[in-house]
Amino acid sequence: MRFAARRTVTALFVPLCALLFGATLATPVAAQPVVRKAQQQTTGTQAPTSNSAQCQNHDRPPPPVDTSEEPKPGQPSPEPLPVPKEPVGGTRMGECGLVVPNGAKAAITGDITSASWVIADVDTGAVLAAKDPHARERPASLIKTLLAVVVIRELRLDEVVTGTQDDANQEGTKVGIGPGGQYTVRQLLFALLMRSGNDAAHALAGQLGGVPAALEKMNALAKEIGALDTRAATPSGLDGPGMSTSAYDLSLVFRAAMKHKEFAEAIATKSLDFPGYGTKPGYKVINDNKLLGRYQGFTGGKTGFTDDARHTYVGGAKRGNTRIAVVLLRGELNPNPLAEQASRLLDYGFALAAEKAKPVGQLVDHAPEAQPKQDTGLGTTSSNEPQQPSSGSAPAADTALPPDAQRSAFGNYGAPLVALAGVAVLVTFGLWFRRKRARAARAARTATG
C-alpha cells in the first residue's frame, strides 16, 4: 500500500510541476525603458557597434553659452521634456553616432559638421540615414516651420495685419516691418520663411492671439504630429527657457509643412514684393537659401543660427518621383556653409533611394500614443514619466504598458499547458480510482473465500 501511495503522489506531482513550469515560461519579462546606446558607424557596410554609454543630450540640449535661456525673475526654469520609453520612429532612431543601412553601397562625401542630422523621404516618411536623430538640440529659426503650419491652419492668407513698434523691435534678422504698415498674412508668411524675419514671426504670433497663445498652439501641434522632443520657447527661434527639438522632430515638422501648398510655394519663391510703411517705400525680399536655383531639383528650405543653437538647416529636393529632405542641427562652417553640407546629404539620400537601401526608421504621422504598436520593430510607445501641465510645454505622455506587459501571468502559452496538466491529473486520478476498486474487489473475494 505504501508503495502504491508513493506512486500516486509521484504521478500527481509531475503534472503539477508541468503546470508551474508552463506558468513560468509564459510570464513576460518586465518592460524596461529604452536607453539610447552610443553607436559608431563609419561606412554603409559595417554593422553598428554599441557600448553602455548613454547618448549625449539625451534629455536636454547642451548648456547655453549666454543668458538668453534664463527665465524671467520669479519664474522657474522649465523641466526637460520626458524621454519616450521607446524611440519615436523605430529602435534605430535611439542610436547615437551614424545610423545607416547595413550593407548599403552609397557613402557620404565631404565633411558634415552637424552634431545631429536626418535624411528622410518626404512622401513615404522613410528615414534613409541619420546621426543621433533624437539628440535634444535647439532649432534656431527652423522653429519658424512649425509656426508657419499653425498660421496656415488657422489664419486666412488675405487677412491684413497692422505692424507695431514691438514687431519692429524684435532682435535678430528682420524683414523690415514698421509701425502702421499694412501686411497680408501671406506676405508675412513668405517673409517669415524666405528671409527668416523675426519681426514677421512676432506679427503673426500677435494675429494668433499673442506670443503665449501662439506658443501654446505650436507646442500642441508638435505633440499632435509626434514631435515629442520639441518645445518652442519663442515663435521666431530666438533662444529661450526650455527651447528644445531634435533632427527627427524637425523632419516631422518639415514633412507636415510640405503637405501645405502655401508653405511649399513660400520656400521655393526667390523674391517677393513687400510693402513699406509710413514714408518708406516698398521693396523686394530675397530668399536667403543658397541652394535655391543651384541644387538640382531643390524645392526649398530654411536656415537658422543663434549662439546657443549654432547653425541649423532644413531643405529638400525632388528627382523623378522621389522627394528627399534633410535636417542638420548644431553645425559649424568647415568652411562650407550648412547649405553646402546639406547638398552632400541630399546626394547621399538620393543614392540610398536609388539602390533601395532598407530604411533605418520611419517618420510617424501622429503622436505615438495614437498609433497601434507595429510588428516591424519600428513601433513606438510614449513616455510613462509624469509631467505637470504648463503653458508652452508638452502634456504628459501616455502611461500604458506595452501589450506584452499587460498579459496575465499564464500568457499565451499558459492556457494550453494548464489544460494539458489538468488532463494528466484526471488520468492519474482515474488510474488511482481503478486500482482502488480492484484492490477492494480482491479483498472482498479473499474474505468470502
Protein backbone atom coordinates (compact mmCIF):
# COMPACT_ATOMS: atom_id res chain seq x y z
CA MET A 1 0.00 0.00 0.00
CA ARG A 2 2.76 2.46 0.88
CA PHE A 3 4.47 1.78 -2.48
CA ALA A 4 1.21 2.37 -4.37
CA ALA A 5 0.64 5.60 -2.45
CA ARG A 6 4.11 6.82 -3.33
CA ARG A 7 3.45 6.08 -6.97
CA THR A 8 0.20 8.00 -6.80
CA VAL A 9 1.87 11.03 -5.18
CA THR A 10 4.58 10.94 -7.81
CA ALA A 11 2.00 10.80 -10.59
CA LEU A 12 0.23 13.83 -9.16
CA PHE A 13 3.46 15.75 -8.59
CA VAL A 14 4.62 15.51 -12.22
CA PRO A 15 1.64 17.32 -13.83
CA LEU A 16 1.69 19.94 -11.09
CA CYS A 17 5.33 20.64 -11.92
CA ALA A 18 4.40 20.94 -15.59
CA LEU A 19 1.72 23.46 -14.64
CA LEU A 20 4.20 25.63 -12.69
CA PHE A 21 6.84 25.35 -15.45
CA GLY A 22 4.29 26.48 -18.07
CA ALA A 23 3.29 29.48 -15.98
CA THR A 24 6.95 30.46 -15.59
CA LEU A 25 7.54 30.28 -19.33
CA ALA A 26 4.50 32.40 -20.06
CA THR A 27 5.29 35.17 -17.57
CA PRO A 28 6.66 38.17 -19.53
CA VAL A 29 9.82 39.99 -18.58
CA ALA A 30 9.04 43.40 -17.09
CA ALA A 31 9.26 46.18 -19.66
CA GLN A 32 12.29 48.40 -19.23
CA PRO A 33 12.77 51.92 -20.59
CA VAL A 34 14.93 52.02 -23.68
CA VAL A 35 18.21 53.84 -23.08
CA ARG A 36 19.82 55.16 -26.24
CA LYS A 37 23.16 53.48 -26.76
CA ALA A 38 26.25 55.10 -28.12
CA GLN A 39 26.94 53.64 -31.56
CA GLN A 40 29.56 54.46 -34.16
CA GLN A 41 29.45 53.51 -37.81
CA THR A 42 31.72 54.93 -40.48
CA THR A 43 30.64 53.18 -43.67
CA GLY A 44 27.49 51.71 -45.11
CA THR A 45 28.94 48.18 -44.99
CA GLN A 46 29.80 48.00 -41.30
CA ALA A 47 27.38 46.73 -38.68
CA PRO A 48 26.76 49.13 -35.82
CA THR A 49 28.61 48.57 -32.58
CA SER A 50 27.47 49.76 -29.19
CA ASN A 51 28.57 50.25 -25.63
CA SER A 52 26.82 51.10 -22.42
CA ALA A 53 27.48 54.83 -22.59
CA GLN A 54 24.34 56.94 -22.72
CA CYS A 55 24.00 59.31 -25.64
CA GLN A 56 24.87 62.93 -25.06
CA ASN A 57 21.98 65.39 -24.90
CA HIS A 58 19.64 62.53 -24.09
CA ASP A 59 17.04 64.73 -22.39
CA ARG A 60 18.15 68.33 -22.97
CA PRO A 61 20.32 70.44 -25.30
CA PRO A 62 23.94 71.29 -24.44
CA PRO A 63 24.47 74.03 -21.83
CA PRO A 64 23.80 77.54 -23.19
CA VAL A 65 26.71 79.87 -23.88
CA ASP A 66 24.87 83.03 -22.81
CA THR A 67 21.97 84.19 -20.60
CA SER A 68 19.27 84.03 -23.28
CA GLU A 69 17.65 80.95 -21.74
CA GLU A 70 17.44 82.25 -18.20
CA PRO A 71 13.80 82.53 -17.09
CA LYS A 72 12.34 85.88 -16.08
CA PRO A 73 12.63 86.82 -12.40
CA GLY A 74 10.20 84.81 -10.31
CA GLN A 75 9.64 82.14 -12.96
CA PRO A 76 11.04 78.60 -12.61
CA SER A 77 13.29 77.05 -15.22
CA PRO A 78 11.29 74.55 -17.33
CA GLU A 79 11.99 70.88 -16.67
CA PRO A 80 13.27 68.82 -19.63
CA LEU A 81 10.60 67.15 -21.72
CA PRO A 82 10.02 63.46 -20.86
CA VAL A 83 12.06 60.98 -22.90
CA PRO A 84 9.82 58.35 -24.55
CA LYS A 85 10.29 54.77 -23.36
CA GLU A 86 10.90 53.69 -26.96
CA PRO A 87 12.46 55.93 -29.63
CA VAL A 88 9.78 57.53 -31.80
CA GLY A 89 10.25 56.23 -35.34
CA GLY A 90 11.82 52.88 -34.54
CA THR A 91 14.53 51.20 -32.49
CA ARG A 92 17.43 52.51 -34.56
CA MET A 93 16.26 56.07 -34.05
CA GLY A 94 17.55 55.67 -30.50
CA GLU A 95 21.13 55.08 -31.63
CA CYS A 96 23.95 57.60 -31.34
CA GLY A 97 26.55 58.27 -33.99
CA LEU A 98 25.84 57.39 -37.60
CA VAL A 99 22.71 55.35 -38.30
CA VAL A 100 22.98 53.98 -41.84
CA PRO A 101 21.55 50.94 -43.65
CA ASN A 102 23.59 47.80 -43.16
CA GLY A 103 25.25 46.77 -46.42
CA ALA A 104 24.46 50.00 -48.27
CA LYS A 105 26.93 50.84 -51.03
CA ALA A 106 26.40 54.61 -51.04
CA ALA A 107 28.72 56.74 -48.95
CA ILE A 108 28.66 60.28 -47.60
CA THR A 109 31.04 62.63 -49.40
CA GLY A 110 32.56 65.71 -47.80
CA ASP A 111 32.75 66.78 -44.17
CA ILE A 112 29.49 67.10 -42.25
CA THR A 113 29.98 69.09 -39.06
CA SER A 114 26.46 68.87 -37.63
CA ALA A 115 26.06 67.12 -34.28
CA SER A 116 22.74 65.66 -35.42
CA TRP A 117 21.04 65.15 -38.79
CA VAL A 118 18.32 63.16 -40.57
CA ILE A 119 17.72 62.24 -44.22
CA ALA A 120 14.13 61.21 -44.98
CA ASP A 121 11.78 60.52 -47.88
CA VAL A 122 9.17 63.29 -47.77
CA ASP A 123 6.43 61.15 -49.31
CA THR A 124 6.85 57.77 -47.60
CA GLY A 125 8.34 59.07 -44.36
CA ALA A 126 11.17 56.52 -44.54
CA VAL A 127 14.28 57.64 -42.66
CA LEU A 128 17.13 56.75 -45.00
CA ALA A 129 20.03 57.63 -42.70
CA ALA A 130 20.70 59.74 -39.63
CA LYS A 131 23.14 60.82 -36.98
CA ASP A 132 21.91 60.84 -33.37
CA PRO A 133 18.40 61.68 -34.62
CA HIS A 134 16.75 62.14 -31.20
CA ALA A 135 19.51 64.18 -29.58
CA ARG A 136 17.92 67.20 -27.92
CA GLU A 137 19.15 70.33 -29.68
CA ARG A 138 17.96 73.89 -30.34
CA PRO A 139 16.16 74.73 -33.60
CA ALA A 140 17.04 78.42 -34.08
CA SER A 141 14.89 79.75 -36.97
CA LEU A 142 13.88 76.25 -38.09
CA ILE A 143 11.10 76.52 -35.48
CA LYS A 144 9.51 79.01 -37.89
CA THR A 145 8.42 75.99 -39.95
CA LEU A 146 6.25 74.94 -37.01
CA LEU A 147 4.83 78.47 -36.68
CA ALA A 148 4.14 78.51 -40.42
CA VAL A 149 1.98 75.37 -40.22
CA VAL A 150 -0.05 76.87 -37.37
CA VAL A 151 -0.53 80.10 -39.38
CA ILE A 152 -1.63 78.21 -42.50
CA ARG A 153 -4.09 76.13 -40.50
CA GLU A 154 -5.62 78.99 -38.51
CA LEU A 155 -5.38 82.25 -40.46
CA ARG A 156 -6.68 83.43 -43.82
CA LEU A 157 -3.86 84.46 -46.10
CA ASP A 158 -5.71 87.61 -47.17
CA GLU A 159 -6.12 88.90 -43.60
CA VAL A 160 -4.49 92.31 -43.11
CA VAL A 161 -2.14 92.78 -40.18
CA THR A 162 -1.03 96.19 -38.94
CA GLY A 163 2.63 96.39 -37.98
CA THR A 164 3.60 97.57 -34.47
CA GLN A 165 6.67 99.00 -32.81
CA ASP A 166 7.04 95.74 -30.87
CA ASP A 167 7.31 93.92 -34.21
CA ALA A 168 10.00 96.33 -35.36
CA ASN A 169 11.91 95.98 -32.05
CA GLN A 170 12.48 92.22 -32.37
CA GLU A 171 16.09 91.03 -32.11
CA GLY A 172 17.96 89.31 -34.88
CA THR A 173 17.07 89.03 -38.53
CA LYS A 174 14.16 91.24 -39.62
CA VAL A 175 12.36 91.75 -42.89
CA GLY A 176 11.54 95.40 -42.18
CA ILE A 177 8.06 95.65 -40.67
CA GLY A 178 7.25 99.11 -39.35
CA PRO A 179 4.55 100.57 -37.11
CA GLY A 180 1.38 101.30 -39.04
CA GLY A 181 2.43 99.19 -42.03
CA GLN A 182 -0.28 97.09 -43.66
CA TYR A 183 0.65 93.50 -44.50
CA THR A 184 -1.33 90.45 -45.52
CA VAL A 185 -0.79 87.18 -43.68
CA ARG A 186 0.53 85.77 -46.96
CA GLN A 187 3.21 88.49 -47.20
CA LEU A 188 4.24 87.92 -43.58
CA LEU A 189 4.29 84.13 -44.05
CA PHE A 190 6.51 84.39 -47.11
CA ALA A 191 8.82 86.91 -45.40
CA LEU A 192 8.97 84.60 -42.37
CA LEU A 193 10.26 81.69 -44.44
CA MET A 194 12.20 83.45 -47.20
CA ARG A 195 14.09 85.98 -45.09
CA SER A 196 13.64 84.48 -41.60
CA GLY A 197 12.04 87.68 -40.33
CA ASN A 198 11.76 87.68 -36.54
CA ASP A 199 9.53 90.74 -36.86
CA ALA A 200 7.23 88.73 -39.15
CA ALA A 201 7.16 85.91 -36.58
CA HIS A 202 6.12 88.39 -33.86
CA ALA A 203 3.41 89.93 -36.04
CA LEU A 204 1.98 86.52 -36.94
CA ALA A 205 2.09 85.43 -33.30
CA GLY A 206 0.09 88.53 -32.45
CA GLN A 207 -2.51 87.58 -35.05
CA LEU A 208 -2.75 84.15 -33.42
CA GLY A 209 -3.67 85.75 -30.09
CA GLY A 210 -0.29 86.89 -28.80
CA VAL A 211 3.05 85.19 -28.17
CA PRO A 212 1.88 82.90 -25.30
CA ALA A 213 -1.13 81.73 -27.31
CA ALA A 214 0.98 81.17 -30.42
CA LEU A 215 3.50 79.11 -28.42
CA GLU A 216 0.71 77.03 -26.93
CA LYS A 217 -0.62 76.29 -30.43
CA MET A 218 2.87 75.49 -31.75
CA ASN A 219 3.58 73.07 -28.93
CA ALA A 220 0.16 71.45 -29.27
CA LEU A 221 0.86 70.88 -32.96
CA ALA A 222 4.29 69.40 -32.16
CA LYS A 223 2.70 66.88 -29.82
CA GLU A 224 -0.06 66.14 -32.34
CA ILE A 225 2.39 65.07 -35.03
CA GLY A 226 4.63 63.11 -32.65
CA ALA A 227 7.45 65.65 -32.21
CA LEU A 228 7.95 64.78 -28.53
CA ASP A 229 11.46 66.29 -28.31
CA THR A 230 10.14 69.72 -29.28
CA ARG A 231 9.16 72.67 -27.14
CA ALA A 232 9.02 76.13 -28.67
CA ALA A 233 10.02 78.90 -26.24
CA THR A 234 9.82 81.71 -28.82
CA PRO A 235 7.88 81.87 -32.10
CA SER A 236 10.95 83.08 -34.02
CA GLY A 237 13.54 80.57 -32.82
CA LEU A 238 15.47 83.01 -30.65
CA ASP A 239 16.79 81.04 -27.69
CA GLY A 240 14.54 80.96 -24.64
CA PRO A 241 13.92 78.92 -21.47
CA GLY A 242 13.14 75.30 -22.27
CA MET A 243 13.69 75.54 -26.05
CA SER A 244 14.21 72.03 -27.40
CA THR A 245 13.88 69.93 -30.56
CA SER A 246 15.67 67.19 -32.49
CA ALA A 247 16.61 66.47 -36.09
CA TYR A 248 13.96 63.74 -36.14
CA ASP A 249 11.27 66.14 -34.90
CA LEU A 250 12.11 68.86 -37.41
CA SER A 251 11.93 66.22 -40.16
CA LEU A 252 8.37 65.51 -38.95
CA VAL A 253 7.55 69.22 -38.96
CA PHE A 254 9.01 69.83 -42.42
CA ARG A 255 7.16 66.83 -43.85
CA ALA A 256 3.90 68.09 -42.33
CA ALA A 257 4.58 71.59 -43.67
CA MET A 258 5.26 70.35 -47.20
CA LYS A 259 1.71 68.98 -47.33
CA HIS A 260 0.54 72.61 -47.50
CA LYS A 261 0.92 74.22 -50.91
CA GLU A 262 1.32 77.66 -49.29
CA PHE A 263 4.41 76.52 -47.42
CA ALA A 264 5.91 74.76 -50.43
CA GLU A 265 5.33 77.87 -52.54
CA ALA A 266 6.86 80.19 -49.95
CA ILE A 267 10.16 78.31 -49.52
CA ALA A 268 10.53 77.97 -53.31
CA THR A 269 9.97 81.69 -54.01
CA LYS A 270 13.15 83.58 -54.94
CA SER A 271 11.84 87.14 -54.49
CA LEU A 272 8.76 88.89 -53.18
CA ASP A 273 7.41 92.45 -53.36
CA PHE A 274 6.99 93.63 -49.77
CA PRO A 275 5.11 96.76 -48.61
CA GLY A 276 6.78 99.70 -46.97
CA TYR A 277 5.31 101.80 -44.14
CA GLY A 278 4.97 105.49 -43.44
CA THR A 279 7.21 107.26 -45.91
CA LYS A 280 9.31 104.16 -46.54
CA PRO A 281 8.55 102.70 -50.00
CA GLY A 282 8.07 99.03 -50.73
CA TYR A 283 10.97 96.78 -51.67
CA LYS A 284 11.87 93.26 -52.74
CA VAL A 285 12.53 90.46 -50.24
CA ILE A 286 15.11 87.96 -51.49
CA ASN A 287 15.19 84.32 -50.39
CA ASP A 288 18.36 83.68 -48.37
CA ASN A 289 18.61 79.96 -49.15
CA LYS A 290 21.81 79.41 -51.14
CA LEU A 291 20.69 76.11 -52.72
CA LEU A 292 17.63 77.58 -54.38
CA GLY A 293 18.28 77.54 -58.12
CA ARG A 294 21.68 75.89 -57.65
CA TYR A 295 20.99 72.34 -56.48
CA GLN A 296 19.28 70.03 -58.96
CA GLY A 297 15.59 69.71 -58.12
CA PHE A 298 15.82 71.82 -54.96
CA THR A 299 12.33 72.56 -53.61
CA GLY A 300 13.30 74.99 -50.85
CA GLY A 301 14.19 75.04 -47.21
CA LYS A 302 15.04 77.14 -44.16
CA THR A 303 18.22 78.36 -42.49
CA GLY A 304 18.87 79.26 -38.86
CA PHE A 305 21.50 80.44 -36.41
CA THR A 306 21.81 81.51 -32.78
CA ASP A 307 24.79 81.48 -30.44
CA ASP A 308 23.33 78.54 -28.49
CA ALA A 309 21.85 76.59 -31.41
CA ARG A 310 24.75 77.28 -33.78
CA HIS A 311 24.00 76.71 -37.49
CA THR A 312 20.83 74.82 -38.40
CA TYR A 313 19.31 73.89 -41.76
CA VAL A 314 16.36 72.12 -43.39
CA GLY A 315 15.89 71.65 -47.13
CA GLY A 316 14.51 69.29 -49.73
CA ALA A 317 14.84 68.30 -53.36
CA LYS A 318 12.98 66.20 -55.93
CA ARG A 319 14.41 63.90 -58.58
CA GLY A 320 11.98 61.86 -60.62
CA ASN A 321 9.26 60.74 -58.25
CA THR A 322 11.47 60.86 -55.16
CA ARG A 323 11.48 63.75 -52.71
CA ILE A 324 14.24 63.82 -50.10
CA ALA A 325 14.60 66.23 -47.17
CA VAL A 326 17.50 66.79 -44.79
CA VAL A 327 17.73 68.43 -41.37
CA LEU A 328 21.06 69.47 -39.81
CA LEU A 329 21.39 70.77 -36.24
CA ARG A 330 24.28 72.33 -34.29
CA GLY A 331 26.56 72.59 -37.28
CA GLU A 332 29.69 74.64 -37.90
CA LEU A 333 31.20 76.08 -41.05
CA ASN A 334 34.02 73.90 -42.35
CA PRO A 335 34.41 76.50 -44.01
CA ASN A 336 31.47 75.49 -46.21
CA PRO A 337 28.07 76.79 -45.04
CA LEU A 338 25.47 74.29 -43.90
CA ALA A 339 23.65 74.61 -47.23
CA GLU A 340 26.67 73.02 -48.93
CA GLN A 341 26.83 70.30 -46.29
CA ALA A 342 23.11 69.73 -46.79
CA SER A 343 23.71 69.20 -50.51
CA ARG A 344 26.13 66.35 -49.65
CA LEU A 345 23.48 64.70 -47.50
CA LEU A 346 20.87 65.15 -50.23
CA ASP A 347 23.23 63.42 -52.67
CA TYR A 348 23.66 60.60 -50.16
CA GLY A 349 19.90 60.32 -49.68
CA PHE A 350 19.18 60.06 -53.40
CA ALA A 351 21.94 57.43 -53.73
CA LEU A 352 20.39 55.35 -50.94
CA ALA A 353 16.95 55.68 -52.51
CA ALA A 354 18.32 54.62 -55.92
CA GLU A 355 19.81 51.42 -54.51
CA LYS A 356 16.61 50.79 -52.50
CA ALA A 357 18.52 50.58 -49.23
CA LYS A 358 16.44 49.44 -46.27
CA PRO A 359 15.22 52.42 -44.20
CA VAL A 360 16.63 52.80 -40.70
CA GLY A 361 13.45 54.35 -39.29
CA GLN A 362 10.11 55.94 -40.07
CA LEU A 363 8.64 59.42 -39.68
CA VAL A 364 5.39 58.94 -37.78
CA ASP A 365 2.16 60.61 -38.88
CA HIS A 366 0.71 61.23 -35.42
CA ALA A 367 1.74 61.16 -31.80
CA PRO A 368 2.86 57.60 -30.96
CA GLU A 369 0.13 57.03 -28.37
CA ALA A 370 -2.41 57.44 -31.19
CA GLN A 371 -0.82 54.66 -33.24
CA PRO A 372 -1.07 50.87 -32.87
CA LYS A 373 2.16 49.12 -31.98
CA GLN A 374 3.73 47.65 -35.09
CA ASP A 375 5.41 44.26 -35.52
CA THR A 376 8.16 45.72 -37.75
CA GLY A 377 10.43 46.83 -34.96
CA LEU A 378 9.56 50.45 -35.81
CA GLY A 379 6.64 50.73 -33.40
CA THR A 380 6.82 53.26 -30.59
CA THR A 381 5.33 54.00 -27.24
CA SER A 382 5.34 57.22 -25.37
CA SER A 383 6.91 58.09 -22.05
CA ASN A 384 5.45 56.95 -18.74
CA GLU A 385 7.18 59.75 -16.89
CA PRO A 386 4.72 62.18 -15.28
CA GLN A 387 4.87 65.85 -16.16
CA GLN A 388 2.99 68.75 -14.66
CA PRO A 389 0.97 70.52 -17.37
CA SER A 390 2.06 74.07 -18.04
CA SER A 391 1.75 76.66 -20.77
CA GLY A 392 4.18 76.03 -23.61
CA SER A 393 5.13 72.50 -22.57
CA ALA A 394 4.11 69.14 -23.96
CA PRO A 395 1.46 67.29 -21.92
CA ALA A 396 2.45 64.17 -20.03
CA ALA A 397 2.76 61.15 -22.29
CA ASP A 398 0.66 58.00 -22.08
CA THR A 399 1.41 55.68 -19.15
CA ALA A 400 0.08 52.48 -20.73
CA LEU A 401 2.38 49.47 -20.72
CA PRO A 402 3.27 47.67 -23.95
CA PRO A 403 0.85 44.89 -24.91
CA ASP A 404 3.28 42.14 -23.78
CA ALA A 405 3.43 43.62 -20.30
CA GLN A 406 -0.35 43.56 -19.99
CA ARG A 407 -0.71 39.81 -20.38
CA SER A 408 -1.70 37.59 -17.45
CA ALA A 409 0.92 35.50 -15.69
CA PHE A 410 -0.06 32.49 -17.82
CA GLY A 411 0.17 34.40 -21.11
CA ASN A 412 -0.45 32.77 -24.47
CA TYR A 413 1.33 29.51 -23.56
CA GLY A 414 -0.17 29.06 -20.11
CA ALA A 415 -3.69 28.12 -21.13
CA PRO A 416 -2.72 25.07 -23.25
CA LEU A 417 -0.23 23.88 -20.61
CA VAL A 418 -2.82 24.22 -17.84
CA ALA A 419 -5.28 22.20 -19.93
CA LEU A 420 -2.63 19.53 -20.52
CA ALA A 421 -1.77 19.37 -16.83
CA GLY A 422 -5.48 19.11 -15.95
CA VAL A 423 -5.90 16.17 -18.32
CA ALA A 424 -2.85 14.49 -16.74
CA VAL A 425 -4.33 14.97 -13.25
CA LEU A 426 -7.67 13.49 -14.37
CA VAL A 427 -5.97 10.49 -15.99
CA THR A 428 -3.87 9.89 -12.88
CA PHE A 429 -6.93 10.13 -10.65
CA GLY A 430 -8.80 7.69 -12.90
CA LEU A 431 -5.94 5.14 -12.71
CA TRP A 432 -5.73 5.53 -8.93
CA PHE A 433 -9.50 5.05 -8.53
CA ARG A 434 -9.41 1.97 -10.80
CA ARG A 435 -6.61 0.41 -8.74
CA LYS A 436 -8.50 1.16 -5.53
CA ARG A 437 -11.63 -0.61 -6.82
CA ALA A 438 -9.54 -3.58 -7.97
CA ARG A 439 -7.92 -3.88 -4.53
CA ALA A 440 -11.33 -3.66 -2.88
CA ALA A 441 -12.64 -6.40 -5.16
CA ARG A 442 -9.69 -8.67 -4.37
CA ALA A 443 -10.13 -8.09 -0.67
CA ALA A 444 -13.82 -8.99 -0.90
CA ARG A 445 -13.08 -12.24 -2.75
CA THR A 446 -10.43 -13.21 -0.20
CA ALA A 447 -12.86 -12.56 2.66
CA THR A 448 -15.61 -14.69 1.11
CA GLY A 449 -13.21 -17.48 0.13
